[in-house]
Amino acid sequence: MRPKRIGGVNPAIQLIMAVFLLVVGILMITAPESFIRWLFLIVSVGMAAFGFMSLISAVFGKNGTRLGSLISGILYIVISIVILTQKDFFQAAVSRIFSLLALVQAVTNLISGFLLYNDKVSGYIRKFFWGIVAFGFSVLLFFDPLGHIRAVELISGIYLIVFAVSMALECIDSFLETDYANKKVKPKISLALPIVFAAFIPSRALKYINDKLESGQMEKAKFSKPEDSYGKLEIFIHLKQGLIEGFGHCDFCFDGTVYSYGCYDQHSQKMGGFISGGTASLTKREPYIEHCMSYEEKMLVGFSLELGRDDYMNLKREIDRMLKQTEVWESDLQIAEKEGRPAEEQKKCNDPASELYRASGASFVKFIDGQYKTYFALGSNCVMFTYDIMKNAGLDSLAFSGAITPGTYMAHLQDLYEMKNTIVTDMHVYSYGKTKN
């Protein structure tokens, strides 16, 4: 029996959620005023109910908890009244949140467009266009939030409908056990979660796994020692606590070699590492996983993919094509060794690339052409590198719509794994210490 999706839900419950979201989406398009009015009323009544229950606890509860219950009760009731009487304020707040999200998207597109233009790579016109559109939408929403609330309702409604249909189709496929491993059966279009929610999937997954491990509820079948190997292709999602690390990292292993794209060149980093010269490491699988777990203190979720001969050859050709856009690059430690510097000086080389080389003998390449010539944390990043290689190799089932982040990619791979009859055949968690009895 397969292990269940990490932190996932039962397909039947997911189908009910899909129907609920579909109804909400339709109402937001067809009857937005009535829907918003009822939504505010329900939320207000719910908050008031929580408030009165807290007040009852303050009267009849234990002495040590009465003050906290009293404060909570009053706070809930005040919030309930504010929600019911200040509908315009909250609607304006929602519009301004959309405005900020649009602004982030605008800045991301404009920076990506500039980097593509600077690297003489096609696609910058499209990035500039959508960046300007997103910026204009952001300005309109911010300075006239109520005047453009209808646009927010329409966009939200359409998204919820498409997302609900996507969820429902995945649930039906799970019940029917559709054979997506068969090349003649095309996978349904998969829509990713909004980036606001998807960005936190890695950190939530890490907490879920750690909680299950500490309580002894995690099945041992989910874990694999680093020396074990599963198939020709494995996609890794890296999990770690922290503000930046919490967003995750993505790379893949093919034929025993892990290809990991990132900002290894610390001397070309700008904006705190958000922009850098595009570099990639090539490392043997076992020492790479060992280094990630021991030195970087990460937990890795690995998705094993079963490849046919055509898929295998296509992926091999795509990797070779990508590597033709690179030249050999060396870490500070490699340069120090080549120059014969003293051992004490070599020990001072503690940048990520040098540490990876010291632990695993990794080799590095630097992109001198193409869209990955410049690393950009919100554009040409680790997950886009993996995603593009898989997509260009013809692994269509790994493609999906929406924002591509380690979180959305992890969610999509888990969806494919849950469907059972797909290219994703196994899911394993690699972690030190936590897996031991």
Protein backbone atom coordinates (compact mmCIF):
# COMPACT_ATOMS: atom_id res chain seq x y z
CA MET A 1 0.00 0.00 0.00
CA ARG A 2 1.31 3.43 -0.93
CA PRO A 3 2.03 6.01 1.75
CA LYS A 4 -0.49 8.84 1.73
CA ARG A 5 0.21 12.30 0.46
CA ILE A 6 2.24 14.38 2.92
CA GLY A 7 -0.26 16.44 4.87
CA GLY A 8 -2.91 15.62 2.28
CA VAL A 9 -6.65 14.94 2.47
CA ASN A 10 -8.92 12.09 1.49
CA PRO A 11 -10.01 12.27 -2.20
CA ALA A 12 -13.69 12.20 -1.17
CA ILE A 13 -13.20 15.21 1.11
CA GLN A 14 -11.21 16.92 -1.65
CA LEU A 15 -14.13 16.38 -4.04
CA ILE A 16 -16.52 18.01 -1.55
CA MET A 17 -14.10 20.93 -1.23
CA ALA A 18 -14.01 21.21 -5.04
CA VAL A 19 -17.82 21.42 -5.22
CA PHE A 20 -17.84 24.06 -2.47
CA LEU A 21 -15.20 26.17 -4.25
CA LEU A 22 -17.09 25.81 -7.53
CA VAL A 23 -20.28 27.17 -5.92
CA VAL A 24 -18.36 30.04 -4.32
CA GLY A 25 -16.70 30.90 -7.64
CA ILE A 26 -20.03 30.93 -9.50
CA LEU A 27 -21.63 33.14 -6.83
CA MET A 28 -18.73 35.61 -6.95
CA ILE A 29 -19.34 36.06 -10.68
CA THR A 30 -23.15 35.92 -10.87
CA ALA A 31 -24.24 37.44 -7.55
CA PRO A 32 -21.23 39.18 -5.98
CA GLU A 33 -23.15 41.68 -3.84
CA SER A 34 -25.40 39.03 -2.26
CA PHE A 35 -22.47 36.67 -1.79
CA ILE A 36 -20.29 39.32 -0.11
CA ARG A 37 -23.18 40.41 2.12
CA TRP A 38 -23.86 36.83 3.27
CA LEU A 39 -20.12 36.15 3.64
CA PHE A 40 -19.67 39.12 5.96
CA LEU A 41 -22.78 38.13 7.92
CA ILE A 42 -21.63 34.51 8.38
CA VAL A 43 -18.11 35.54 9.41
CA SER A 44 -19.49 38.17 11.79
CA VAL A 45 -21.92 35.71 13.42
CA GLY A 46 -19.14 33.13 13.70
CA MET A 47 -16.81 35.59 15.42
CA ALA A 48 -19.61 36.65 17.76
CA ALA A 49 -20.31 33.01 18.64
CA PHE A 50 -16.64 32.47 19.49
CA GLY A 51 -16.77 35.63 21.57
CA PHE A 52 -19.79 34.58 23.61
CA MET A 53 -18.31 31.11 24.20
CA SER A 54 -15.13 32.76 25.48
CA LEU A 55 -17.18 34.99 27.80
CA ILE A 56 -19.01 31.94 29.16
CA SER A 57 -15.62 30.32 29.79
CA ALA A 58 -14.54 33.49 31.60
CA VAL A 59 -17.52 33.18 33.95
CA PHE A 60 -17.51 29.44 34.58
CA GLY A 61 -13.92 28.47 33.73
CA LYS A 62 -10.91 27.97 35.95
CA ASN A 63 -9.43 30.99 37.72
CA GLY A 64 -6.18 30.81 35.77
CA THR A 65 -7.91 31.08 32.39
CA ARG A 66 -10.70 33.56 33.12
CA LEU A 67 -8.80 36.74 32.25
CA GLY A 68 -7.55 35.34 28.94
CA SER A 69 -11.05 34.10 28.04
CA LEU A 70 -12.55 37.49 28.94
CA ILE A 71 -10.09 39.40 26.75
CA SER A 72 -10.56 36.92 23.87
CA GLY A 73 -14.34 37.12 24.16
CA ILE A 74 -14.41 40.91 24.07
CA LEU A 75 -11.94 40.97 21.17
CA TYR A 76 -13.99 38.49 19.11
CA ILE A 77 -17.20 40.47 19.66
CA VAL A 78 -15.53 43.78 18.75
CA ILE A 79 -14.14 42.23 15.55
CA SER A 80 -17.59 40.82 14.78
CA ILE A 81 -19.18 44.27 15.06
CA VAL A 82 -16.43 45.90 12.96
CA ILE A 83 -16.83 43.28 10.21
CA LEU A 84 -20.60 43.76 10.12
CA THR A 85 -20.50 47.56 10.09
CA GLN A 86 -17.34 48.29 8.09
CA LYS A 87 -17.86 46.21 4.95
CA ASP A 88 -16.37 48.86 2.66
CA PHE A 89 -13.20 49.00 4.76
CA PHE A 90 -12.60 45.26 4.46
CA GLN A 91 -13.43 45.19 0.75
CA ALA A 92 -10.94 48.00 0.19
CA ALA A 93 -8.37 46.05 2.22
CA VAL A 94 -8.87 42.97 0.02
CA SER A 95 -8.44 45.11 -3.11
CA ARG A 96 -5.22 46.59 -1.75
CA ILE A 97 -3.90 43.11 -0.96
CA PHE A 98 -4.56 42.20 -4.60
CA SER A 99 -2.79 45.44 -5.53
CA LEU A 100 0.33 44.45 -3.60
CA LEU A 101 0.32 40.97 -5.16
CA ALA A 102 0.04 42.56 -8.61
CA LEU A 103 2.91 44.90 -7.74
CA VAL A 104 5.13 41.95 -6.75
CA GLN A 105 4.24 40.25 -10.05
CA ALA A 106 4.99 43.47 -11.95
CA VAL A 107 8.41 43.91 -10.34
CA THR A 108 9.24 40.23 -10.93
CA ASN A 109 8.32 40.44 -14.62
CA LEU A 110 10.16 43.71 -15.17
CA ILE A 111 13.36 42.45 -13.52
CA SER A 112 13.12 39.17 -15.44
CA GLY A 113 12.60 41.12 -18.67
CA PHE A 114 15.62 43.31 -17.99
CA LEU A 115 17.82 40.27 -17.22
CA LEU A 116 16.67 38.48 -20.39
CA TYR A 117 17.31 41.61 -22.44
CA ASN A 118 20.73 42.06 -20.87
CA ASP A 119 21.61 38.41 -21.59
CA LYS A 120 20.31 38.78 -25.18
CA VAL A 121 17.69 36.05 -24.67
CA SER A 122 14.27 36.11 -26.34
CA GLY A 123 11.13 36.52 -24.24
CA TYR A 124 11.94 39.88 -22.67
CA ILE A 125 9.19 41.71 -24.62
CA ARG A 126 6.54 39.41 -23.14
CA LYS A 127 7.98 39.93 -19.64
CA PHE A 128 8.01 43.72 -20.06
CA PHE A 129 4.44 43.71 -21.40
CA TRP A 130 2.97 41.69 -18.52
CA GLY A 131 5.06 43.66 -16.04
CA ILE A 132 3.56 46.94 -17.27
CA VAL A 133 0.03 45.46 -17.29
CA ALA A 134 0.44 44.15 -13.73
CA PHE A 135 1.84 47.49 -12.57
CA GLY A 136 -1.10 49.39 -14.09
CA PHE A 137 -3.58 46.99 -12.47
CA SER A 138 -1.78 47.43 -9.14
CA VAL A 139 -1.98 51.23 -9.30
CA LEU A 140 -5.69 51.20 -10.18
CA LEU A 141 -6.57 48.86 -7.32
CA PHE A 142 -4.47 50.69 -4.76
CA PHE A 143 -5.77 54.22 -5.41
CA ASP A 144 -9.39 53.25 -6.16
CA PRO A 145 -9.94 49.93 -4.35
CA LEU A 146 -13.75 50.04 -4.19
CA GLY A 147 -14.11 51.32 -7.73
CA HIS A 148 -12.38 48.22 -9.09
CA ILE A 149 -13.64 45.64 -6.58
CA ARG A 150 -15.68 44.05 -9.38
CA ALA A 151 -12.46 43.14 -11.19
CA VAL A 152 -11.19 41.43 -8.03
CA GLU A 153 -14.46 39.50 -7.72
CA LEU A 154 -14.35 38.37 -11.36
CA ILE A 155 -10.71 37.27 -11.21
CA SER A 156 -11.26 35.45 -7.91
CA GLY A 157 -14.44 33.79 -9.19
CA ILE A 158 -12.85 32.58 -12.43
CA TYR A 159 -9.82 31.28 -10.58
CA LEU A 160 -11.94 29.39 -8.03
CA ILE A 161 -14.04 27.79 -10.79
CA VAL A 162 -11.00 26.63 -12.77
CA PHE A 163 -9.24 25.46 -9.61
CA ALA A 164 -12.35 23.59 -8.43
CA VAL A 165 -12.74 21.84 -11.80
CA SER A 166 -9.05 20.89 -11.71
CA MET A 167 -9.46 19.46 -8.19
CA ALA A 168 -12.61 17.55 -9.16
CA LEU A 169 -10.97 15.99 -12.23
CA GLU A 170 -7.99 14.87 -10.16
CA CYS A 171 -10.33 13.29 -7.59
CA ILE A 172 -12.30 11.46 -10.30
CA ASP A 173 -9.04 10.22 -11.82
CA SER A 174 -7.99 8.97 -8.39
CA PHE A 175 -11.25 7.02 -8.02
CA LEU A 176 -11.09 5.59 -11.56
CA GLU A 177 -7.31 4.96 -11.38
CA THR A 178 -6.80 6.33 -14.89
CA ASP A 179 -3.70 4.89 -16.51
CA TYR A 180 -1.62 8.02 -17.15
CA ALA A 181 1.46 5.85 -17.51
CA ASN A 182 -0.02 4.98 -20.92
CA LYS A 183 1.30 7.49 -23.47
CA LYS A 184 -2.07 7.55 -25.27
CA VAL A 185 -3.82 8.94 -22.20
CA LYS A 186 -3.14 12.65 -21.81
CA PRO A 187 -3.12 14.13 -18.30
CA LYS A 188 -5.70 16.76 -17.37
CA ILE A 189 -4.60 20.36 -17.06
CA SER A 190 -3.43 20.99 -13.51
CA LEU A 191 -3.79 24.45 -11.97
CA ALA A 192 -1.36 25.40 -9.24
CA LEU A 193 -2.28 26.98 -5.93
CA PRO A 194 -1.96 30.76 -5.70
CA ILE A 195 1.67 31.65 -5.04
CA VAL A 196 0.73 33.23 -1.68
CA PHE A 197 -0.32 29.80 -0.38
CA ALA A 198 2.06 27.64 -2.43
CA ALA A 199 5.16 29.45 -1.18
CA PHE A 200 4.59 28.02 2.29
CA ILE A 201 3.99 24.39 1.24
CA PRO A 202 7.62 23.34 1.93
CA SER A 203 7.62 24.76 5.48
CA ARG A 204 4.21 23.21 6.22
CA ALA A 205 5.39 19.86 4.84
CA LEU A 206 8.49 20.00 7.05
CA LYS A 207 6.39 20.66 10.16
CA TYR A 208 3.97 17.86 9.23
CA ILE A 209 6.77 15.31 8.76
CA ASN A 210 8.56 16.32 11.95
CA ASP A 211 5.33 16.11 13.97
CA LYS A 212 4.62 12.63 12.59
CA LEU A 213 8.17 11.48 13.33
CA GLU A 214 8.13 12.78 16.89
CA SER A 215 4.77 11.14 17.61
CA GLY A 216 5.81 7.86 15.97
CA GLN A 217 2.95 8.04 13.45
CA MET A 218 5.11 8.24 10.31
CA GLU A 219 5.30 4.96 8.43
CA LYS A 220 8.82 3.60 8.08
CA ALA A 221 8.04 2.75 4.44
CA LYS A 222 8.21 6.45 3.65
CA PHE A 223 11.90 6.61 4.45
CA SER A 224 14.94 5.48 2.54
CA LYS A 225 18.62 5.52 3.40
CA PRO A 226 20.74 7.72 1.12
CA GLU A 227 22.52 4.77 -0.45
CA ASP A 228 19.28 3.30 -1.80
CA SER A 229 18.47 4.17 -5.41
CA TYR A 230 15.06 4.42 -7.06
CA GLY A 231 14.95 4.46 -10.81
CA LYS A 232 16.76 6.60 -13.35
CA LEU A 233 15.13 9.91 -12.41
CA GLU A 234 14.38 11.44 -9.02
CA ILE A 235 13.17 14.98 -8.32
CA PHE A 236 14.09 16.41 -4.91
CA ILE A 237 12.29 19.10 -2.93
CA HIS A 238 14.49 20.46 -0.12
CA LEU A 239 12.85 21.36 3.19
CA LYS A 240 14.39 23.43 5.97
CA GLN A 241 13.26 25.83 8.66
CA GLY A 242 14.04 29.50 8.15
CA LEU A 243 12.73 32.60 6.41
CA ILE A 244 14.44 32.08 3.04
CA GLU A 245 15.11 28.33 3.35
CA GLY A 246 11.43 27.79 4.19
CA PHE A 247 10.48 28.46 0.56
CA GLY A 248 12.33 25.30 -0.47
CA HIS A 249 14.77 24.27 -3.19
CA CYS A 250 14.40 21.89 -6.13
CA ASP A 251 16.84 19.77 -8.14
CA PHE A 252 16.92 16.36 -9.79
CA CYS A 253 19.00 13.20 -10.09
CA PHE A 254 19.45 11.43 -13.42
CA ASP A 255 21.65 8.37 -13.96
CA GLY A 256 23.16 8.77 -10.50
CA THR A 257 24.13 12.45 -10.92
CA VAL A 258 22.32 15.30 -9.16
CA TYR A 259 21.92 18.49 -11.21
CA SER A 260 21.30 21.49 -8.97
CA TYR A 261 21.00 25.04 -10.36
CA GLY A 262 21.55 28.04 -8.11
CA CYS A 263 23.70 31.01 -7.12
CA TYR A 264 26.92 29.15 -6.24
CA ASP A 265 29.08 32.03 -7.50
CA GLN A 266 29.15 34.21 -4.39
CA HIS A 267 31.38 36.78 -6.11
CA SER A 268 28.66 37.69 -8.62
CA GLN A 269 25.78 37.86 -6.15
CA LYS A 270 23.63 41.00 -5.96
CA MET A 271 20.65 41.98 -3.81
CA GLY A 272 21.59 39.45 -1.13
CA GLY A 273 21.81 36.57 -3.59
CA PHE A 274 18.51 37.25 -5.37
CA ILE A 275 20.53 37.86 -8.54
CA SER A 276 23.73 36.06 -9.45
CA GLY A 277 25.66 34.43 -12.25
CA GLY A 278 23.81 31.23 -13.15
CA THR A 279 25.74 28.16 -11.99
CA ALA A 280 24.93 24.49 -11.48
CA SER A 281 26.53 21.67 -9.52
CA LEU A 282 26.92 18.10 -10.77
CA THR A 283 27.27 15.67 -7.87
CA LYS A 284 27.02 11.95 -7.28
CA ARG A 285 23.68 11.10 -5.68
CA GLU A 286 24.76 9.49 -2.39
CA PRO A 287 27.33 12.10 -1.23
CA TYR A 288 24.99 14.90 -2.33
CA ILE A 289 22.09 13.65 -0.20
CA GLU A 290 24.50 13.01 2.67
CA HIS A 291 25.80 16.61 2.45
CA CYS A 292 22.28 18.08 2.31
CA MET A 293 21.20 16.14 5.39
CA SER A 294 24.32 16.45 7.55
CA TYR A 295 25.94 19.80 6.70
CA GLU A 296 22.93 21.77 5.42
CA GLU A 297 20.57 20.06 7.93
CA LYS A 298 17.85 19.67 5.32
CA MET A 299 15.10 17.15 4.82
CA LEU A 300 14.64 15.99 1.22
CA VAL A 301 11.43 14.67 -0.31
CA GLY A 302 12.32 12.61 -3.36
CA PHE A 303 9.85 11.68 -6.10
CA SER A 304 10.96 8.72 -8.23
CA LEU A 305 9.88 8.67 -11.87
CA GLU A 306 9.71 5.65 -14.12
CA LEU A 307 11.03 6.45 -17.59
CA GLY A 308 10.53 4.54 -20.81
CA ARG A 309 13.38 4.30 -23.30
CA ASP A 310 12.15 7.30 -25.34
CA ASP A 311 11.72 9.45 -22.22
CA TYR A 312 15.16 8.42 -21.01
CA MET A 313 16.86 9.33 -24.28
CA ASN A 314 14.93 12.61 -24.62
CA LEU A 315 15.90 13.66 -21.10
CA LYS A 316 19.53 12.74 -21.70
CA ARG A 317 19.57 14.84 -24.90
CA GLU A 318 17.93 17.80 -23.14
CA ILE A 319 20.50 17.74 -20.33
CA ASP A 320 23.31 17.57 -22.89
CA ARG A 321 21.77 20.49 -24.79
CA MET A 322 21.54 22.55 -21.61
CA LEU A 323 25.15 21.78 -20.66
CA LYS A 324 26.34 23.01 -24.07
CA GLN A 325 25.37 26.49 -22.87
CA THR A 326 27.89 26.29 -20.02
CA GLU A 327 31.59 26.37 -19.29
CA VAL A 328 33.56 24.82 -16.44
CA TRP A 329 33.45 26.88 -13.25
CA GLU A 330 35.44 26.34 -10.05
CA SER A 331 34.70 27.09 -6.42
CA ASP A 332 37.10 29.06 -4.22
CA LEU A 333 38.39 25.81 -2.71
CA GLN A 334 39.12 24.29 -6.11
CA ILE A 335 41.04 27.42 -7.12
CA ALA A 336 42.96 27.38 -3.83
CA GLU A 337 43.90 23.73 -4.36
CA LYS A 338 44.98 24.37 -7.95
CA GLU A 339 47.17 27.29 -6.84
CA GLY A 340 48.70 25.19 -4.05
CA ARG A 341 47.69 27.51 -1.23
CA PRO A 342 48.39 26.42 2.40
CA ALA A 343 45.89 24.08 4.08
CA GLU A 344 44.93 26.76 6.60
CA GLU A 345 43.95 29.10 3.78
CA GLN A 346 41.98 26.34 2.08
CA LYS A 347 40.01 25.75 5.29
CA LYS A 348 38.79 29.34 5.11
CA CYS A 349 36.97 28.55 1.87
CA ASN A 350 33.55 27.94 3.40
CA ASP A 351 31.16 29.21 0.74
CA PRO A 352 28.36 26.76 -0.27
CA ALA A 353 30.13 25.67 -3.46
CA SER A 354 33.41 24.98 -1.65
CA GLU A 355 31.64 23.04 1.11
CA LEU A 356 29.79 20.92 -1.45
CA TYR A 357 33.05 20.24 -3.31
CA ARG A 358 34.84 19.39 -0.05
CA ALA A 359 32.13 16.91 0.95
CA SER A 360 31.35 15.30 -2.39
CA GLY A 361 33.91 16.19 -5.03
CA ALA A 362 31.20 18.00 -6.98
CA SER A 363 31.94 19.69 -10.29
CA PHE A 364 30.41 23.00 -11.35
CA VAL A 365 29.41 24.72 -14.58
CA LYS A 366 28.50 28.32 -15.32
CA PHE A 367 25.97 29.32 -17.96
CA ILE A 368 27.38 31.59 -20.63
CA ASP A 369 24.27 31.61 -22.83
CA GLY A 370 20.50 31.15 -22.61
CA GLN A 371 17.89 32.16 -20.04
CA TYR A 372 19.86 30.64 -17.14
CA LYS A 373 22.93 32.78 -17.73
CA THR A 374 21.69 34.94 -14.85
CA TYR A 375 20.11 33.44 -11.74
CA PHE A 376 17.07 35.33 -10.44
CA ALA A 377 15.35 34.03 -7.31
CA LEU A 378 11.88 34.98 -8.59
CA GLY A 379 12.44 34.01 -12.22
CA SER A 380 15.22 31.83 -13.63
CA ASN A 381 15.68 29.82 -10.44
CA CYS A 382 16.24 26.24 -9.28
CA VAL A 383 12.69 24.99 -9.79
CA MET A 384 12.30 26.63 -13.22
CA PHE A 385 15.56 24.96 -14.27
CA THR A 386 14.23 21.52 -13.31
CA TYR A 387 10.76 22.27 -14.69
CA ASP A 388 12.06 23.46 -18.08
CA ILE A 389 14.35 20.47 -18.54
CA MET A 390 11.51 18.03 -17.80
CA LYS A 391 9.07 19.92 -20.03
CA ASN A 392 11.52 20.25 -22.93
CA ALA A 393 12.30 16.53 -22.65
CA GLY A 394 8.63 15.79 -23.36
CA LEU A 395 7.55 14.73 -19.86
CA ASP A 396 4.17 16.42 -20.34
CA SER A 397 2.54 15.11 -17.17
CA LEU A 398 5.04 17.13 -15.09
CA ALA A 399 3.77 20.41 -16.57
CA PHE A 400 1.05 22.49 -14.92
CA SER A 401 -0.47 25.97 -15.07
CA GLY A 402 0.16 28.77 -12.62
CA ALA A 403 3.12 29.99 -10.57
CA ILE A 404 6.02 27.52 -10.53
CA THR A 405 7.68 27.33 -7.11
CA PRO A 406 9.17 24.48 -5.07
CA GLY A 407 5.84 24.42 -3.23
CA THR A 408 3.61 24.17 -6.33
CA TYR A 409 5.95 21.63 -7.93
CA MET A 410 5.89 19.51 -4.77
CA ALA A 411 2.08 19.69 -4.67
CA HIS A 412 1.84 18.68 -8.34
CA LEU A 413 4.24 15.76 -7.92
CA GLN A 414 2.24 14.57 -4.92
CA ASP A 415 -0.96 14.81 -6.97
CA LEU A 416 0.60 12.64 -9.68
CA TYR A 417 1.82 10.17 -7.09
CA GLU A 418 -1.64 9.93 -5.52
CA MET A 419 -3.18 9.12 -8.93
CA LYS A 420 -1.19 5.86 -8.79
CA ASN A 421 -1.03 5.20 -12.54
CA THR A 422 1.36 7.99 -13.51
CA ILE A 423 5.04 8.44 -14.23
CA VAL A 424 5.63 9.21 -10.51
CA THR A 425 6.03 5.80 -8.89
CA ASP A 426 7.55 6.45 -5.45
CA MET A 427 7.93 9.12 -2.81
CA HIS A 428 10.64 8.96 -0.16
CA VAL A 429 11.81 11.24 2.63
CA TYR A 430 15.53 11.59 3.34
CA SER A 431 16.39 12.86 6.80
CA TYR A 432 19.12 12.36 9.39
CA GLY A 433 18.44 11.62 13.04
CA LYS A 434 14.68 12.00 12.74
CA THR A 435 14.27 8.60 11.07
CA LYS A 436 16.09 6.63 13.73
CA ASN A 437 14.25 4.71 16.46
